[in-house]
Amino acid sequence: YHMRYPSEPIVHFVLMSALAALEECGCIEVLKENTSGITAKKIAQRFSLNESGVSALCDFVAINAPGLLEKKSNEYIPGKLLFNPAFQNNLYFFLSYKPILSCLSQMLCRNVTYGEDIVRDAMYLQKSSSIHNASAYHAVMDSLKQLEFDTIVDIGCGRGDFLVKAYETFPDKKIMGIEIDERTVDIAAGVLSRNRALNDISIIRGDAAYPTEWVNKLGIQNASRCAIVGITIWHEFLNQQEMLPSILKRYRVCFPGSFFLMAEFNGISADDFSRFPENFKGMASFYQLVHPLSNQGVPPPVSTWQAFFKDNGVSVVGVIPTKNNMTTYIGVLTPLGLSS
């Protein structure tokens, strides 16, 4: 986005706020269901909403983003952009961190604390991740096809989208997911059920940082014959300097010799942003903004990850550039006591 008029930042903020409200109240889903058009009155009646408010929000979207919504007579017609995965990812990501964005001044003044007073919205984060990480799913799956293993363990499996793809690709392998958020585990069960994979995939509620607490629940015969998969999860442990090294040691104890596959966003420095296209800067910089605000580390560049693995017992055997400014790493968890 290149600012052409002084008012545009305000319009973009209000537009995202309007879309967020329409999404949270179910209006966008109704608009998608009625591709030939629907009135604000019918939308409001379905959810017992304020009709004038629905009309005002839809009018604002139609005026400023006709690619999302058009108005003909008194009916609103969804545009192609409303169904676009990139747009949906941006909206879901905005919604997932909206609780933080609405409390920025309170956070700066230390009146509220992330994790105690406010948290990100896990449901919308999972919706965003399932769209944004689709290219990483393909890269990881292609890498797995070249490896010998018995069990796939998806760390921080979220909604279970990767688990479904893994099951479809490797029906003869054992597929397991680890997820700490109870609400997300329930959502994942629904995703697996809709894909008829509920009885063939196991999801264990557990903390990715402590595999020692759930490794025995996997019911596997050989812990060295696993493929440990983590897609946009490991950067969350970079907020404390010694946290991730300690976690990797636990995985080397629990899964010695197993494969370790990770897909992560490539961190970008403020100077590097000057070389990126204008339409890429906004979302990428927003991605990096919200991580330190939510007690996560900012994903580092490829060279930093490679050096980190070398120092912490992960023998990297492959580095694959992946779409959406991501990289997929394939490594082996070196057993403790052996040279890494």
Protein backbone atom coordinates (compact mmCIF):
# COMPACT_ATOMS: atom_id res chain seq x y z
CA TYR A 1 0.00 0.00 0.00
CA HIS A 2 1.42 3.33 -1.04
CA MET A 3 -0.13 6.34 0.68
CA ARG A 4 -1.63 8.64 -1.93
CA TYR A 5 -3.79 10.84 0.30
CA PRO A 6 -3.35 12.01 3.93
CA SER A 7 -6.69 10.40 4.88
CA GLU A 8 -5.80 6.91 3.70
CA PRO A 9 -4.28 5.61 6.98
CA ILE A 10 -7.51 6.54 8.78
CA VAL A 11 -9.63 4.88 6.09
CA HIS A 12 -7.57 1.68 6.27
CA PHE A 13 -7.88 1.53 10.06
CA VAL A 14 -11.64 2.12 10.01
CA LEU A 15 -12.05 -0.33 7.14
CA MET A 16 -10.29 -3.12 9.07
CA SER A 17 -12.30 -2.27 12.19
CA ALA A 18 -15.56 -2.41 10.21
CA LEU A 19 -14.63 -5.72 8.60
CA ALA A 20 -13.58 -7.14 11.95
CA ALA A 21 -16.95 -6.24 13.48
CA LEU A 22 -18.83 -7.74 10.53
CA GLU A 23 -16.78 -10.94 10.77
CA GLU A 24 -17.20 -11.31 14.54
CA CYS A 25 -20.97 -10.87 14.29
CA GLY A 26 -21.32 -13.42 11.49
CA CYS A 27 -22.25 -10.89 8.80
CA ILE A 28 -19.42 -11.73 6.41
CA GLU A 29 -20.36 -15.39 6.42
CA VAL A 30 -23.95 -14.45 5.55
CA LEU A 31 -22.73 -12.17 2.76
CA LYS A 32 -20.67 -15.03 1.32
CA GLU A 33 -23.71 -17.29 1.42
CA ASN A 34 -25.79 -14.76 -0.55
CA THR A 35 -23.72 -14.11 -3.66
CA SER A 36 -26.70 -12.56 -5.49
CA GLY A 37 -27.17 -9.97 -2.74
CA ILE A 38 -28.80 -9.46 0.66
CA THR A 39 -30.19 -6.46 2.53
CA ALA A 40 -28.89 -5.09 5.81
CA LYS A 41 -32.33 -5.77 7.28
CA LYS A 42 -32.10 -9.51 6.57
CA ILE A 43 -28.56 -9.69 7.94
CA ALA A 44 -29.60 -7.85 11.09
CA GLN A 45 -32.66 -10.04 11.59
CA ARG A 46 -30.62 -13.24 11.38
CA PHE A 47 -28.40 -12.26 14.31
CA SER A 48 -30.67 -9.74 16.10
CA LEU A 49 -28.27 -6.92 15.25
CA ASN A 50 -28.66 -3.16 14.99
CA GLU A 51 -29.89 -2.70 11.40
CA SER A 52 -28.65 0.86 10.99
CA GLY A 53 -25.24 -0.20 12.30
CA VAL A 54 -25.03 -3.10 9.83
CA SER A 55 -26.04 -0.78 7.02
CA ALA A 56 -23.50 1.88 8.00
CA LEU A 57 -20.63 -0.60 8.19
CA CYS A 58 -21.54 -2.27 4.91
CA ASP A 59 -21.89 1.12 3.21
CA PHE A 60 -18.42 2.14 4.40
CA VAL A 61 -16.90 -1.08 3.04
CA ALA A 62 -18.76 -0.76 -0.28
CA ILE A 63 -17.60 2.84 -0.72
CA ASN A 64 -13.96 2.28 0.16
CA ALA A 65 -13.41 -1.34 -0.94
CA PRO A 66 -15.82 -2.20 -3.79
CA GLY A 67 -13.71 -5.29 -4.49
CA LEU A 68 -15.00 -6.67 -1.19
CA LEU A 69 -18.60 -5.47 -1.29
CA GLU A 70 -20.89 -3.75 -3.78
CA LYS A 71 -24.22 -2.11 -3.15
CA LYS A 72 -27.00 -2.24 -5.72
CA SER A 73 -30.28 -0.71 -4.74
CA ASN A 74 -30.56 -1.74 -1.09
CA GLU A 75 -28.70 -5.06 -1.41
CA TYR A 76 -25.06 -5.83 -0.67
CA ILE A 77 -23.25 -8.17 -3.06
CA PRO A 78 -19.97 -9.84 -2.03
CA GLY A 79 -17.04 -9.19 -4.37
CA LYS A 80 -14.37 -11.69 -5.41
CA LEU A 81 -11.87 -10.19 -2.95
CA LEU A 82 -14.06 -11.24 -0.03
CA PHE A 83 -13.33 -14.88 -0.95
CA ASN A 84 -9.61 -14.29 -1.59
CA PRO A 85 -7.38 -16.35 0.79
CA ALA A 86 -4.83 -13.53 1.15
CA PHE A 87 -7.55 -11.11 2.26
CA GLN A 88 -9.04 -13.68 4.63
CA ASN A 89 -5.62 -14.33 6.15
CA ASN A 90 -5.06 -10.61 6.75
CA LEU A 91 -8.48 -10.20 8.36
CA TYR A 92 -8.10 -13.25 10.61
CA PHE A 93 -4.60 -12.18 11.65
CA PHE A 94 -5.90 -8.71 12.49
CA LEU A 95 -8.72 -10.23 14.53
CA SER A 96 -6.38 -12.58 16.38
CA TYR A 97 -4.29 -9.68 17.66
CA LYS A 98 -7.08 -7.10 17.97
CA PRO A 99 -7.20 -7.53 21.78
CA ILE A 100 -3.58 -6.35 21.89
CA LEU A 101 -4.01 -3.53 19.37
CA SER A 102 -6.89 -2.11 21.39
CA CYS A 103 -4.70 -1.95 24.52
CA LEU A 104 -1.41 -0.60 23.17
CA SER A 105 -1.31 2.52 25.34
CA GLN A 106 -2.25 0.53 28.46
CA MET A 107 0.50 -1.96 27.68
CA LEU A 108 3.08 0.79 27.19
CA CYS A 109 2.06 2.31 30.52
CA ARG A 110 2.20 -1.17 32.14
CA ASN A 111 -1.42 -0.95 33.22
CA VAL A 112 -2.20 -4.28 31.55
CA THR A 113 0.01 -7.33 30.99
CA TYR A 114 -0.14 -9.79 28.15
CA GLY A 115 -0.98 -13.28 29.36
CA GLU A 116 -2.74 -11.97 32.45
CA ASP A 117 -5.08 -9.18 31.37
CA ILE A 118 -5.18 -9.74 27.61
CA VAL A 119 -4.38 -12.59 25.21
CA ARG A 120 -4.58 -13.04 21.47
CA ASP A 121 -7.65 -14.75 20.00
CA ALA A 122 -6.60 -18.37 19.41
CA MET A 123 -9.57 -19.20 17.17
CA TYR A 124 -8.79 -16.46 14.63
CA LEU A 125 -5.06 -17.15 14.89
CA GLN A 126 -5.67 -20.74 13.85
CA LYS A 127 -7.84 -19.61 10.92
CA SER A 128 -5.07 -17.27 9.79
CA SER A 129 -2.35 -19.88 10.22
CA SER A 130 -4.21 -22.50 8.20
CA ILE A 131 -4.22 -20.09 5.23
CA HIS A 132 -0.78 -18.50 5.65
CA ASN A 133 1.00 -21.81 6.32
CA ALA A 134 -0.47 -23.69 3.35
CA SER A 135 2.74 -23.30 1.33
CA ALA A 136 4.77 -24.55 4.29
CA TYR A 137 2.50 -27.61 4.55
CA HIS A 138 3.42 -28.51 0.97
CA ALA A 139 7.15 -27.94 1.54
CA VAL A 140 7.18 -30.06 4.69
CA MET A 141 5.12 -32.79 3.05
CA ASP A 142 7.47 -32.95 0.06
CA SER A 143 10.41 -33.23 2.47
CA LEU A 144 8.75 -36.01 4.45
CA LYS A 145 8.37 -38.04 1.25
CA GLN A 146 12.17 -38.27 1.11
CA LEU A 147 12.57 -39.52 4.70
CA GLU A 148 12.18 -42.84 6.52
CA PHE A 149 10.00 -42.65 9.64
CA ASP A 150 7.08 -44.35 11.39
CA THR A 151 5.30 -41.50 13.19
CA ILE A 152 4.58 -37.84 12.46
CA VAL A 153 4.23 -35.62 15.54
CA ASP A 154 2.89 -32.14 14.72
CA ILE A 155 3.90 -29.74 17.50
CA GLY A 156 1.33 -27.00 18.08
CA CYS A 157 -1.05 -28.67 15.65
CA GLY A 158 -3.74 -26.00 16.01
CA ARG A 159 -6.89 -26.73 14.00
CA GLY A 160 -5.38 -29.91 12.62
CA ASP A 161 -5.13 -28.80 8.98
CA PHE A 162 -1.60 -30.19 8.60
CA LEU A 163 -2.63 -33.42 10.34
CA VAL A 164 -5.34 -33.98 7.73
CA LYS A 165 -2.91 -33.43 4.86
CA ALA A 166 -0.36 -35.73 6.51
CA TYR A 167 -3.00 -38.44 6.91
CA GLU A 168 -4.02 -38.12 3.26
CA THR A 169 -0.38 -38.31 2.13
CA PHE A 170 0.84 -40.98 4.57
CA PRO A 171 -2.16 -43.21 5.40
CA ASP A 172 0.14 -45.98 6.61
CA LYS A 173 1.95 -43.79 9.17
CA LYS A 174 0.94 -42.93 12.70
CA ILE A 175 -0.20 -39.28 12.83
CA MET A 176 -0.18 -37.41 16.15
CA GLY A 177 -0.79 -33.78 17.14
CA ILE A 178 0.25 -31.84 20.25
CA GLU A 179 -1.76 -28.74 21.24
CA ILE A 180 -1.82 -26.83 24.52
CA ASP A 181 -5.00 -24.77 24.04
CA GLU A 182 -8.10 -26.71 25.10
CA ARG A 183 -10.44 -24.67 22.92
CA THR A 184 -8.23 -25.29 19.88
CA VAL A 185 -8.17 -29.03 20.61
CA ASP A 186 -11.97 -29.02 20.39
CA ILE A 187 -11.85 -27.07 17.11
CA ALA A 188 -9.32 -29.57 15.75
CA ALA A 189 -11.62 -32.47 16.61
CA GLY A 190 -14.28 -30.84 14.48
CA VAL A 191 -11.87 -30.34 11.56
CA LEU A 192 -10.74 -33.97 11.73
CA SER A 193 -14.34 -35.18 11.96
CA ARG A 194 -15.37 -33.22 8.85
CA ASN A 195 -12.44 -34.77 7.00
CA ARG A 196 -13.32 -38.28 8.25
CA ALA A 197 -9.93 -38.60 9.95
CA LEU A 198 -11.03 -38.29 13.59
CA ASN A 199 -10.57 -42.00 14.33
CA ASP A 200 -7.19 -42.23 12.62
CA ILE A 201 -5.41 -39.19 14.11
CA SER A 202 -4.70 -38.60 17.80
CA ILE A 203 -4.42 -35.15 19.36
CA ILE A 204 -2.85 -34.90 22.80
CA ARG A 205 -3.25 -31.81 24.91
CA GLY A 206 0.27 -30.89 25.95
CA ASP A 207 2.88 -28.15 26.18
CA ALA A 208 5.32 -28.14 23.25
CA ALA A 209 8.04 -26.95 25.63
CA TYR A 210 7.85 -30.11 27.76
CA PRO A 211 7.80 -33.26 25.60
CA THR A 212 8.88 -35.24 28.67
CA GLU A 213 5.32 -34.81 29.99
CA TRP A 214 3.54 -36.31 26.98
CA VAL A 215 6.01 -38.48 25.05
CA ASN A 216 4.75 -41.64 26.79
CA LYS A 217 1.17 -40.80 25.75
CA LEU A 218 2.14 -41.14 22.09
CA GLY A 219 2.23 -44.92 22.38
CA ILE A 220 5.11 -45.26 19.91
CA GLN A 221 7.48 -48.22 19.77
CA ASN A 222 10.60 -46.40 18.62
CA ALA A 223 11.14 -42.75 19.56
CA SER A 224 14.02 -42.49 17.08
CA ARG A 225 11.69 -43.20 14.14
CA CYS A 226 9.64 -40.01 14.39
CA ALA A 227 9.33 -36.90 12.27
CA ILE A 228 8.85 -33.96 14.64
CA VAL A 229 7.08 -31.18 12.71
CA GLY A 230 6.72 -27.59 13.90
CA ILE A 231 5.22 -24.94 11.61
CA THR A 232 5.49 -21.33 12.84
CA ILE A 233 5.67 -22.49 16.45
CA TRP A 234 9.30 -22.34 17.56
CA HIS A 235 9.71 -18.55 17.37
CA GLU A 236 7.23 -18.34 20.25
CA PHE A 237 9.99 -19.59 22.58
CA LEU A 238 12.61 -17.03 21.52
CA ASN A 239 11.46 -14.38 23.98
CA GLN A 240 13.77 -15.84 26.65
CA GLN A 241 17.39 -16.45 25.68
CA GLU A 242 17.82 -19.92 27.17
CA MET A 243 14.29 -21.22 26.69
CA LEU A 244 14.54 -22.76 23.21
CA PRO A 245 17.97 -24.40 23.78
CA SER A 246 16.53 -26.11 26.86
CA ILE A 247 13.48 -27.24 24.91
CA LEU A 248 15.61 -28.71 22.13
CA LYS A 249 17.59 -30.67 24.72
CA ARG A 250 14.35 -32.24 25.93
CA TYR A 251 13.46 -33.25 22.38
CA ARG A 252 16.91 -34.75 21.90
CA VAL A 253 16.29 -36.83 25.04
CA CYS A 254 12.75 -37.87 24.07
CA PHE A 255 13.32 -38.36 20.33
CA PRO A 256 17.04 -39.11 19.83
CA GLY A 257 17.92 -39.50 16.16
CA SER A 258 14.46 -38.49 14.94
CA PHE A 259 13.89 -36.02 12.14
CA PHE A 260 13.14 -32.41 13.04
CA LEU A 261 11.25 -30.33 10.47
CA MET A 262 10.56 -26.66 11.05
CA ALA A 263 8.96 -23.97 8.89
CA GLU A 264 9.34 -20.35 10.00
CA PHE A 265 8.85 -16.82 8.74
CA ASN A 266 12.11 -15.14 7.73
CA GLY A 267 12.82 -12.22 10.05
CA ILE A 268 13.44 -8.87 8.37
CA SER A 269 15.44 -5.98 9.82
CA ALA A 270 14.18 -2.41 9.62
CA ASP A 271 16.90 -1.66 7.04
CA ASP A 272 15.95 -4.70 4.95
CA PHE A 273 12.34 -3.55 4.76
CA SER A 274 13.46 -0.67 2.52
CA ARG A 275 14.22 -3.21 -0.22
CA PHE A 276 10.82 -4.93 -0.10
CA PRO A 277 7.82 -4.04 -2.29
CA GLU A 278 5.40 -1.55 -0.81
CA ASN A 279 2.53 -4.05 -0.84
CA PHE A 280 4.61 -6.48 1.25
CA LYS A 281 5.89 -4.15 3.96
CA GLY A 282 2.64 -3.56 5.79
CA MET A 283 1.64 -7.12 6.63
CA ALA A 284 5.23 -8.28 7.19
CA SER A 285 5.96 -5.43 9.60
CA PHE A 286 2.62 -6.01 11.37
CA TYR A 287 3.62 -9.67 11.78
CA GLN A 288 6.86 -8.64 13.44
CA LEU A 289 5.20 -5.94 15.57
CA VAL A 290 2.76 -8.21 17.37
CA HIS A 291 5.25 -10.90 18.37
CA PRO A 292 7.22 -8.98 21.01
CA LEU A 293 3.95 -7.47 22.25
CA SER A 294 2.61 -10.97 22.90
CA ASN A 295 5.70 -12.34 24.66
CA GLN A 296 7.09 -14.05 21.56
CA GLY A 297 10.43 -13.71 19.90
CA VAL A 298 10.66 -12.15 16.46
CA PRO A 299 11.58 -14.83 13.90
CA PRO A 300 15.25 -14.37 12.93
CA PRO A 301 16.76 -14.69 9.43
CA VAL A 302 17.88 -18.02 7.95
CA SER A 303 21.56 -17.66 8.89
CA THR A 304 20.66 -17.12 12.56
CA TRP A 305 18.48 -20.25 12.65
CA GLN A 306 21.22 -22.33 11.02
CA ALA A 307 23.81 -21.17 13.55
CA PHE A 308 21.37 -21.79 16.38
CA PHE A 309 20.71 -25.38 15.26
CA LYS A 310 24.43 -26.06 14.93
CA ASP A 311 25.01 -24.90 18.51
CA ASN A 312 22.06 -26.83 19.95
CA GLY A 313 22.25 -30.36 18.63
CA VAL A 314 20.14 -30.22 15.47
CA SER A 315 22.06 -31.46 12.44
CA VAL A 316 20.57 -29.59 9.48
CA VAL A 317 20.41 -31.65 6.28
CA GLY A 318 18.20 -29.36 4.20
CA VAL A 319 17.11 -25.72 3.93
CA ILE A 320 14.23 -25.03 1.53
CA PRO A 321 12.99 -21.53 0.60
CA THR A 322 9.21 -21.50 0.96
CA LYS A 323 6.50 -19.11 -0.24
CA ASN A 324 5.20 -16.23 1.91
CA ASN A 325 8.77 -15.31 2.96
CA MET A 326 9.22 -18.56 4.89
CA THR A 327 11.92 -21.24 5.06
CA THR A 328 11.61 -24.96 5.77
CA TYR A 329 14.46 -26.63 7.68
CA ILE A 330 15.07 -30.39 7.80
CA GLY A 331 17.32 -31.67 10.57
CA VAL A 332 18.09 -34.61 12.83
CA LEU A 333 17.92 -34.46 16.63
CA THR A 334 21.40 -35.50 17.72
CA PRO A 335 21.28 -37.66 20.88
CA LEU A 336 22.77 -35.93 23.92
CA GLY A 337 26.37 -36.88 24.52
CA LEU A 338 27.19 -37.10 20.81
CA SER A 339 28.69 -34.37 18.69
CA SER A 340 26.06 -32.08 17.20
